[in-house]
Amino acid sequence: MTQKTGQCLCGAVRFTVTEFGSFGVCHCEQCRRWAGSALFAVNVPEAAISIEGADAIRSFRSSDWASRHFCGTCGSVLWYRYDKGVDGAGEYEVCLGLLDDGNGFEMKSEIFADEKPDSWALTGGHPKYTRAETLKKFGADVSGA
């Protein structure tokens, strides 16, 4: 896939991506509250993104393994970033809607699929992982999460 650019709503944060991983959807309660619906995001290796306007980026740690980032000027959701010490540390899950051209991606998986509201459905034969399966992947305590 070729290089793609993107930005937040106001343009204070702009970025260029040169390499993409998989595209997926998260249905967890945090993502739904943060993004206003399921989080549609494409994985981007740390070395494959260059960011302009980093001084406008705000973040908060939302789990034991990741932080959520947003534009401090307009409030646009930017990306979910894996923290050190977990598989994929430093990688970004960039919101698909921020890309100037969001075409060309194929959905590879849905996580927290058992928490998806019954008012929407996504089609395709991709894997759908439950809450327990997703938390196990990140080494979280499934019983207390």
Protein backbone atom coordinates (compact mmCIF):
# COMPACT_ATOMS: atom_id res chain seq x y z
CA MET A 1 0.00 0.00 0.00
CA THR A 2 1.29 3.44 -0.80
CA GLN A 3 1.94 6.26 1.63
CA LYS A 4 -1.13 7.95 3.10
CA THR A 5 -1.68 11.20 4.93
CA GLY A 6 -4.21 12.21 7.53
CA GLN A 7 -5.18 14.84 10.07
CA CYS A 8 -7.52 15.75 12.87
CA LEU A 9 -10.62 17.83 12.26
CA CYS A 10 -8.90 21.20 12.72
CA GLY A 11 -5.57 20.24 11.10
CA ALA A 12 -3.46 20.95 14.20
CA VAL A 13 -2.23 17.34 14.06
CA ARG A 14 -1.16 15.97 10.69
CA PHE A 15 0.62 12.74 9.90
CA THR A 16 2.07 10.63 7.11
CA VAL A 17 2.10 6.83 7.20
CA THR A 18 4.44 4.77 5.01
CA GLU A 19 3.52 1.24 6.13
CA PHE A 20 0.31 -0.34 7.37
CA GLY A 21 -0.53 -3.46 9.31
CA SER A 22 -3.99 -4.92 9.64
CA PHE A 23 -7.30 -3.08 9.83
CA GLY A 24 -9.72 -4.04 12.57
CA VAL A 25 -12.60 -2.93 14.74
CA CYS A 26 -12.89 -2.77 18.53
CA HIS A 27 -16.28 -2.93 20.25
CA CYS A 28 -15.13 -2.53 23.87
CA GLU A 29 -17.01 -0.08 26.09
CA GLN A 30 -14.00 2.25 26.31
CA CYS A 31 -13.64 2.53 22.54
CA ARG A 32 -17.38 3.04 22.07
CA ARG A 33 -17.39 5.87 24.63
CA TRP A 34 -14.16 7.39 23.30
CA ALA A 35 -14.99 7.23 19.57
CA GLY A 36 -18.77 7.45 19.83
CA SER A 37 -19.14 4.02 18.19
CA ALA A 38 -16.89 1.08 17.42
CA LEU A 39 -13.26 2.05 16.84
CA PHE A 40 -12.27 1.44 13.21
CA ALA A 41 -8.47 1.52 13.19
CA VAL A 42 -5.50 0.45 11.13
CA ASN A 43 -2.29 -0.76 12.74
CA VAL A 44 0.80 1.37 12.03
CA PRO A 45 4.34 0.44 13.13
CA GLU A 46 6.04 3.15 15.21
CA ALA A 47 8.74 3.74 12.59
CA ALA A 48 6.16 4.16 9.80
CA ILE A 49 4.44 7.32 11.05
CA SER A 50 5.68 10.91 11.03
CA ILE A 51 3.66 13.43 12.99
CA GLU A 52 3.38 17.21 12.66
CA GLY A 53 1.78 19.21 15.45
CA ALA A 54 2.74 16.84 18.26
CA ASP A 55 2.42 19.72 20.74
CA ALA A 56 -1.37 19.63 20.20
CA ILE A 57 -1.63 15.92 21.09
CA ARG A 58 -3.07 14.97 24.47
CA SER A 59 -3.26 11.46 25.87
CA PHE A 60 -4.37 9.34 28.76
CA ARG A 61 -3.52 5.81 29.80
CA SER A 62 -6.73 3.81 29.56
CA SER A 63 -5.52 0.29 30.34
CA ASP A 64 -2.52 -1.66 31.56
CA TRP A 65 -1.24 -1.93 27.99
CA ALA A 66 -2.21 1.21 26.05
CA SER A 67 -2.88 4.95 25.93
CA ARG A 68 -5.45 6.90 23.95
CA HIS A 69 -4.47 10.06 22.08
CA PHE A 70 -6.58 12.98 20.85
CA CYS A 71 -6.16 16.50 19.50
CA GLY A 72 -6.13 19.02 22.35
CA THR A 73 -7.42 21.73 20.01
CA CYS A 74 -10.47 20.15 18.36
CA GLY A 75 -10.87 16.95 20.40
CA SER A 76 -10.58 14.54 17.45
CA VAL A 77 -9.79 10.97 18.42
CA LEU A 78 -6.37 10.19 16.89
CA TRP A 79 -5.03 6.80 17.85
CA TYR A 80 -4.68 4.10 20.42
CA ARG A 81 -1.03 3.31 21.21
CA TYR A 82 0.43 0.17 22.74
CA ASP A 83 2.70 0.92 25.69
CA LYS A 84 6.07 -0.60 26.46
CA GLY A 85 6.09 -4.13 27.77
CA VAL A 86 3.31 -5.56 25.58
CA ASP A 87 3.28 -7.26 22.21
CA GLY A 88 3.35 -4.52 19.58
CA ALA A 89 4.74 -1.87 21.97
CA GLY A 90 5.02 1.52 20.30
CA GLU A 91 2.60 0.65 17.51
CA TYR A 92 -0.37 2.87 16.73
CA GLU A 93 -3.96 1.95 15.96
CA VAL A 94 -4.79 4.98 13.80
CA CYS A 95 -8.46 5.85 13.32
CA LEU A 96 -9.37 5.03 9.74
CA GLY A 97 -11.55 8.13 9.41
CA LEU A 98 -8.55 10.45 9.89
CA LEU A 99 -6.90 9.29 6.68
CA ASP A 100 -7.34 11.56 3.68
CA ASP A 101 -7.92 8.36 1.69
CA GLY A 102 -9.28 5.49 3.75
CA ASN A 103 -9.72 3.17 0.77
CA GLY A 104 -7.87 -0.09 0.18
CA PHE A 105 -8.13 -1.74 3.59
CA GLU A 106 -9.69 -5.12 4.34
CA MET A 107 -11.10 -5.74 7.81
CA LYS A 108 -9.07 -8.53 9.41
CA SER A 109 -10.72 -8.87 12.82
CA GLU A 110 -13.14 -7.55 15.41
CA ILE A 111 -12.25 -7.57 19.09
CA PHE A 112 -14.63 -7.47 22.06
CA ALA A 113 -17.19 -8.74 19.54
CA ASP A 114 -19.39 -10.10 22.33
CA GLU A 115 -19.82 -6.49 23.58
CA LYS A 116 -21.05 -5.11 20.25
CA PRO A 117 -24.48 -3.53 20.53
CA ASP A 118 -27.15 -5.50 18.67
CA SER A 119 -28.09 -2.37 16.71
CA TRP A 120 -25.21 -2.80 14.25
CA ALA A 121 -23.50 -5.63 12.42
CA LEU A 122 -20.40 -5.89 10.28
CA THR A 123 -20.21 -8.46 7.50
CA GLY A 124 -17.33 -10.61 6.37
CA GLY A 125 -15.59 -13.82 7.32
CA HIS A 126 -12.93 -12.23 9.53
CA PRO A 127 -12.29 -13.55 13.07
CA LYS A 128 -14.35 -12.10 15.92
CA TYR A 129 -12.71 -12.31 19.34
CA THR A 130 -14.62 -12.15 22.61
CA ARG A 131 -13.70 -10.00 25.59
CA ALA A 132 -12.00 -12.96 27.29
CA GLU A 133 -10.01 -13.83 24.16
CA THR A 134 -8.94 -10.21 23.67
CA LEU A 135 -7.83 -9.71 27.27
CA LYS A 136 -5.93 -12.99 27.21
CA LYS A 137 -3.95 -11.70 24.22
CA PHE A 138 -2.69 -8.77 26.31
CA GLY A 139 -2.07 -10.82 29.43
CA ALA A 140 -4.82 -9.10 31.41
CA ASP A 141 -6.66 -10.71 34.30
CA VAL A 142 -9.84 -11.89 32.57
CA SER A 143 -11.72 -12.50 35.81
CA GLY A 144 -11.37 -8.94 37.11
CA ALA A 145 -11.33 -6.95 33.89
